[in-house]
Amino acid sequence: MVHGTWDVLVGTRRLQGHVMVYDDHGGDQALDAVEALVRAGATVEIVTPE
């Protein structure tokens, strides 16, 4: 299932367990989402073409 970064940041989606964050822009949004997910107890893997 795919969710947008802003859904995670504003709390619309509360994800748990293993979560993959794909960052194709290289901006701060993905890292902010990762921080929010980790604080919520998720295990996060970041994927980027960079």
PDB file of N, CA and C in Angstrom:
ATOM      1  N   MET A   1       0.851  -1.169   0.000  1.00  0.00           N
ATOM      2  CA  MET A   1       0.000   0.000   0.000  1.00  0.00           C
ATOM      3  C   MET A   1       0.899   1.234   0.000  1.00  0.00           C
ATOM      4  N   VAL A   2       0.518   2.270  -0.701  1.00  0.00           N
ATOM      5  CA  VAL A   2       1.304   3.489  -0.834  1.00  0.00           C
ATOM      6  C   VAL A   2       0.564   4.649  -0.169  1.00  0.00           C
ATOM      7  N   HIS A   3       1.312   5.439   0.599  1.00  0.00           N
ATOM      8  CA  HIS A   3       0.747   6.622   1.248  1.00  0.00           C
ATOM      9  C   HIS A   3       1.661   7.804   0.975  1.00  0.00           C
ATOM     10  N   GLY A   4       1.104   8.988   0.930  1.00  0.00           N
ATOM     11  CA  GLY A   4       1.888  10.195   0.700  1.00  0.00           C
ATOM     12  C   GLY A   4       2.588  10.646   1.962  1.00  0.00           C
ATOM     13  N   THR A   5       3.666  11.384   1.763  1.00  0.00           N
ATOM     14  CA  THR A   5       4.446  11.914   2.878  1.00  0.00           C
ATOM     15  C   THR A   5       3.604  12.789   3.787  1.00  0.00           C
ATOM     16  N   TRP A   6       2.796  13.626   3.167  1.00  0.00           N
ATOM     17  CA  TRP A   6       2.007  14.554   3.981  1.00  0.00           C
ATOM     18  C   TRP A   6       0.965  13.830   4.824  1.00  0.00           C
ATOM     19  N   ASP A   7       0.450  12.691   4.371  1.00  0.00           N
ATOM     20  CA  ASP A   7      -0.475  11.905   5.184  1.00  0.00           C
ATOM     21  C   ASP A   7       0.200  11.444   6.476  1.00  0.00           C
ATOM     22  N   VAL A   8       1.461  11.094   6.373  1.00  0.00           N
ATOM     23  CA  VAL A   8       2.218  10.661   7.559  1.00  0.00           C
ATOM     24  C   VAL A   8       2.494  11.859   8.462  1.00  0.00           C
ATOM     25  N   LEU A   9       2.922  12.976   7.873  1.00  0.00           N
ATOM     26  CA  LEU A   9       3.308  14.139   8.663  1.00  0.00           C
ATOM     27  C   LEU A   9       2.146  14.774   9.419  1.00  0.00           C
ATOM     28  N   VAL A  10       0.974  14.807   8.813  1.00  0.00           N
ATOM     29  CA  VAL A  10      -0.171  15.424   9.493  1.00  0.00           C
ATOM     30  C   VAL A  10      -0.952  14.428  10.343  1.00  0.00           C
ATOM     31  N   GLY A  11      -0.586  13.171  10.287  1.00  0.00           N
ATOM     32  CA  GLY A  11      -1.219  12.174  11.138  1.00  0.00           C
ATOM     33  C   GLY A  11      -2.427  11.497  10.546  1.00  0.00           C
ATOM     34  N   THR A  12      -2.716  11.727   9.269  1.00  0.00           N
ATOM     35  CA  THR A  12      -3.841  11.056   8.620  1.00  0.00           C
ATOM     36  C   THR A  12      -3.609   9.549   8.574  1.00  0.00           C
ATOM     37  N   ARG A  13      -2.355   9.160   8.356  1.00  0.00           N
ATOM     38  CA  ARG A  13      -1.968   7.744   8.326  1.00  0.00           C
ATOM     39  C   ARG A  13      -0.998   7.469   9.460  1.00  0.00           C
ATOM     40  N   ARG A  14      -1.320   6.501  10.288  1.00  0.00           N
ATOM     41  CA  ARG A  14      -0.437   6.090  11.374  1.00  0.00           C
ATOM     42  C   ARG A  14       0.060   4.688  11.042  1.00  0.00           C
ATOM     43  N   LEU A  15       1.261   4.632  10.500  1.00  0.00           N
ATOM     44  CA  LEU A  15       1.822   3.369  10.039  1.00  0.00           C
ATOM     45  C   LEU A  15       2.701   2.757  11.117  1.00  0.00           C
ATOM     46  N   GLN A  16       2.683   1.438  11.186  1.00  0.00           N
ATOM     47  CA  GLN A  16       3.489   0.709  12.157  1.00  0.00           C
ATOM     48  C   GLN A  16       4.164  -0.449  11.445  1.00  0.00           C
ATOM     49  N   GLY A  17       5.072  -1.105  12.151  1.00  0.00           N
ATOM     50  CA  GLY A  17       5.758  -2.245  11.574  1.00  0.00           C
ATOM     51  C   GLY A  17       6.898  -1.792  10.688  1.00  0.00           C
ATOM     52  N   HIS A  18       7.135  -2.539   9.619  1.00  0.00           N
ATOM     53  CA  HIS A  18       8.207  -2.222   8.669  1.00  0.00           C
ATOM     54  C   HIS A  18       7.651  -1.316   7.572  1.00  0.00           C
ATOM     55  N   VAL A  19       8.298  -0.165   7.386  1.00  0.00           N
ATOM     56  CA  VAL A  19       7.835   0.826   6.413  1.00  0.00           C
ATOM     57  C   VAL A  19       9.009   1.221   5.523  1.00  0.00           C
ATOM     58  N   MET A  20       8.770   1.296   4.224  1.00  0.00           N
ATOM     59  CA  MET A  20       9.779   1.774   3.292  1.00  0.00           C
ATOM     60  C   MET A  20       9.386   3.176   2.843  1.00  0.00           C
ATOM     61  N   VAL A  21      10.347   4.097   2.911  1.00  0.00           N
ATOM     62  CA  VAL A  21      10.136   5.456   2.431  1.00  0.00           C
ATOM     63  C   VAL A  21      10.981   5.631   1.179  1.00  0.00           C
ATOM     64  N   TYR A  22      10.336   5.944   0.063  1.00  0.00           N
ATOM     65  CA  TYR A  22      11.038   6.165  -1.200  1.00  0.00           C
ATOM     66  C   TYR A  22      11.144   7.665  -1.418  1.00  0.00           C
ATOM     67  N   ASP A  23      12.366   8.161  -1.504  1.00  0.00           N
ATOM     68  CA  ASP A  23      12.612   9.588  -1.678  1.00  0.00           C
ATOM     69  C   ASP A  23      13.213   9.829  -3.055  1.00  0.00           C
ATOM     70  N   ASP A  24      12.392  10.307  -3.990  1.00  0.00           N
ATOM     71  CA  ASP A  24      12.919  10.575  -5.332  1.00  0.00           C
ATOM     72  C   ASP A  24      13.204  12.051  -5.566  1.00  0.00           C
ATOM     73  N   HIS A  25      12.986  12.891  -4.544  1.00  0.00           N
ATOM     74  CA  HIS A  25      13.218  14.327  -4.691  1.00  0.00           C
ATOM     75  C   HIS A  25      14.479  14.805  -3.975  1.00  0.00           C
ATOM     76  N   GLY A  26      14.909  14.097  -2.945  1.00  0.00           N
ATOM     77  CA  GLY A  26      16.078  14.509  -2.189  1.00  0.00           C
ATOM     78  C   GLY A  26      15.825  15.691  -1.271  1.00  0.00           C
ATOM     79  N   GLY A  27      14.563  15.927  -0.944  1.00  0.00           N
ATOM     80  CA  GLY A  27      14.213  17.049  -0.068  1.00  0.00           C
ATOM     81  C   GLY A  27      14.063  16.618   1.373  1.00  0.00           C
ATOM     82  N   ASP A  28      13.608  17.545   2.185  1.00  0.00           N
ATOM     83  CA  ASP A  28      13.453  17.277   3.622  1.00  0.00           C
ATOM     84  C   ASP A  28      12.190  16.498   3.966  1.00  0.00           C
ATOM     85  N   GLN A  29      11.209  16.470   3.072  1.00  0.00           N
ATOM     86  CA  GLN A  29       9.930  15.845   3.397  1.00  0.00           C
ATOM     87  C   GLN A  29      10.087  14.373   3.769  1.00  0.00           C
ATOM     88  N   ALA A  30      10.885  13.654   3.010  1.00  0.00           N
ATOM     89  CA  ALA A  30      11.058  12.220   3.278  1.00  0.00           C
ATOM     90  C   ALA A  30      11.705  11.995   4.634  1.00  0.00           C
ATOM     91  N   LEU A  31      12.731  12.780   4.945  1.00  0.00           N
ATOM     92  CA  LEU A  31      13.402  12.622   6.237  1.00  0.00           C
ATOM     93  C   LEU A  31      12.490  13.024   7.385  1.00  0.00           C
ATOM     94  N   ASP A  32      11.653  14.038   7.183  1.00  0.00           N
ATOM     95  CA  ASP A  32      10.675  14.408   8.207  1.00  0.00           C
ATOM     96  C   ASP A  32       9.681  13.274   8.429  1.00  0.00           C
ATOM     97  N   ALA A  33       9.254  12.630   7.351  1.00  0.00           N
ATOM     98  CA  ALA A  33       8.338  11.499   7.473  1.00  0.00           C
ATOM     99  C   ALA A  33       9.009  10.332   8.188  1.00  0.00           C
ATOM    100  N   VAL A  34      10.269  10.075   7.876  1.00  0.00           N
ATOM    101  CA  VAL A  34      11.014   9.006   8.550  1.00  0.00           C
ATOM    102  C   VAL A  34      11.074   9.274  10.043  1.00  0.00           C
ATOM    103  N   GLU A  35      11.379  10.503  10.405  1.00  0.00           N
ATOM    104  CA  GLU A  35      11.446  10.853  11.830  1.00  0.00           C
ATOM    105  C   GLU A  35      10.096  10.627  12.518  1.00  0.00           C
ATOM    106  N   ALA A  36       9.015  11.029  11.881  1.00  0.00           N
ATOM    107  CA  ALA A  36       7.681  10.827  12.448  1.00  0.00           C
ATOM    108  C   ALA A  36       7.359   9.343  12.582  1.00  0.00           C
ATOM    109  N   LEU A  37       7.726   8.554  11.588  1.00  0.00           N
ATOM    110  CA  LEU A  37       7.467   7.112  11.632  1.00  0.00           C
ATOM    111  C   LEU A  37       8.259   6.426  12.745  1.00  0.00           C
ATOM    112  N   VAL A  38       9.518   6.803  12.877  1.00  0.00           N
ATOM    113  CA  VAL A  38      10.354   6.205  13.928  1.00  0.00           C
ATOM    114  C   VAL A  38       9.815   6.571  15.301  1.00  0.00           C
ATOM    115  N   ARG A  39       9.411   7.810  15.476  1.00  0.00           N
ATOM    116  CA  ARG A  39       8.821   8.228  16.758  1.00  0.00           C
ATOM    117  C   ARG A  39       7.553   7.443  17.080  1.00  0.00           C
ATOM    118  N   ALA A  40       6.832   7.035  16.028  1.00  0.00           N
ATOM    119  CA  ALA A  40       5.596   6.259  16.222  1.00  0.00           C
ATOM    120  C   ALA A  40       5.881   4.771  16.413  1.00  0.00           C
ATOM    121  N   GLY A  41       7.163   4.378  16.337  1.00  0.00           N
ATOM    122  CA  GLY A  41       7.519   2.985  16.593  1.00  0.00           C
ATOM    123  C   GLY A  41       7.745   2.127  15.372  1.00  0.00           C
ATOM    124  N   ALA A  42       7.727   2.707  14.189  1.00  0.00           N
ATOM    125  CA  ALA A  42       7.924   1.931  12.959  1.00  0.00           C
ATOM    126  C   ALA A  42       9.415   1.665  12.732  1.00  0.00           C
ATOM    127  N   THR A  43       9.697   0.585  12.033  1.00  0.00           N
ATOM    128  CA  THR A  43      11.039   0.299  11.540  1.00  0.00           C
ATOM    129  C   THR A  43      11.073   0.783  10.100  1.00  0.00           C
ATOM    130  N   VAL A  44      12.009   1.682   9.776  1.00  0.00           N
ATOM    131  CA  VAL A  44      11.973   2.386   8.495  1.00  0.00           C
ATOM    132  C   VAL A  44      13.213   2.073   7.662  1.00  0.00           C
ATOM    133  N   GLU A  45      12.986   1.851   6.378  1.00  0.00           N
ATOM    134  CA  GLU A  45      14.054   1.721   5.395  1.00  0.00           C
ATOM    135  C   GLU A  45      13.872   2.843   4.390  1.00  0.00           C
ATOM    136  N   ILE A  46      14.951   3.598   4.134  1.00  0.00           N
ATOM    137  CA  ILE A  46      14.898   4.701   3.183  1.00  0.00           C
ATOM    138  C   ILE A  46      15.515   4.239   1.866  1.00  0.00           C
ATOM    139  N   VAL A  47      14.793   4.491   0.767  1.00  0.00           N
ATOM    140  CA  VAL A  47      15.271   4.137  -0.565  1.00  0.00           C
ATOM    141  C   VAL A  47      15.318   5.418  -1.397  1.00  0.00           C
ATOM    142  N   THR A  48      16.445   5.638  -2.081  1.00  0.00           N
ATOM    143  CA  THR A  48      16.607   6.816  -2.907  1.00  0.00           C
ATOM    144  C   THR A  48      17.528   6.505  -4.086  1.00  0.00           C
ATOM    145  N   PRO A  49      17.299   7.130  -5.236  1.00  0.00           N
ATOM    146  CA  PRO A  49      18.201   6.901  -6.359  1.00  0.00           C
ATOM    147  C   PRO A  49      19.525   7.636  -6.187  1.00  0.00           C
ATOM    148  N   GLU A  50      19.622   8.478  -5.213  1.00  0.00           N
ATOM    149  CA  GLU A  50      20.844   9.262  -4.989  1.00  0.00           C
ATOM    150  C   GLU A  50      21.868   8.374  -4.375  1.00  0.00           C
TER     151      GLU A  50
END
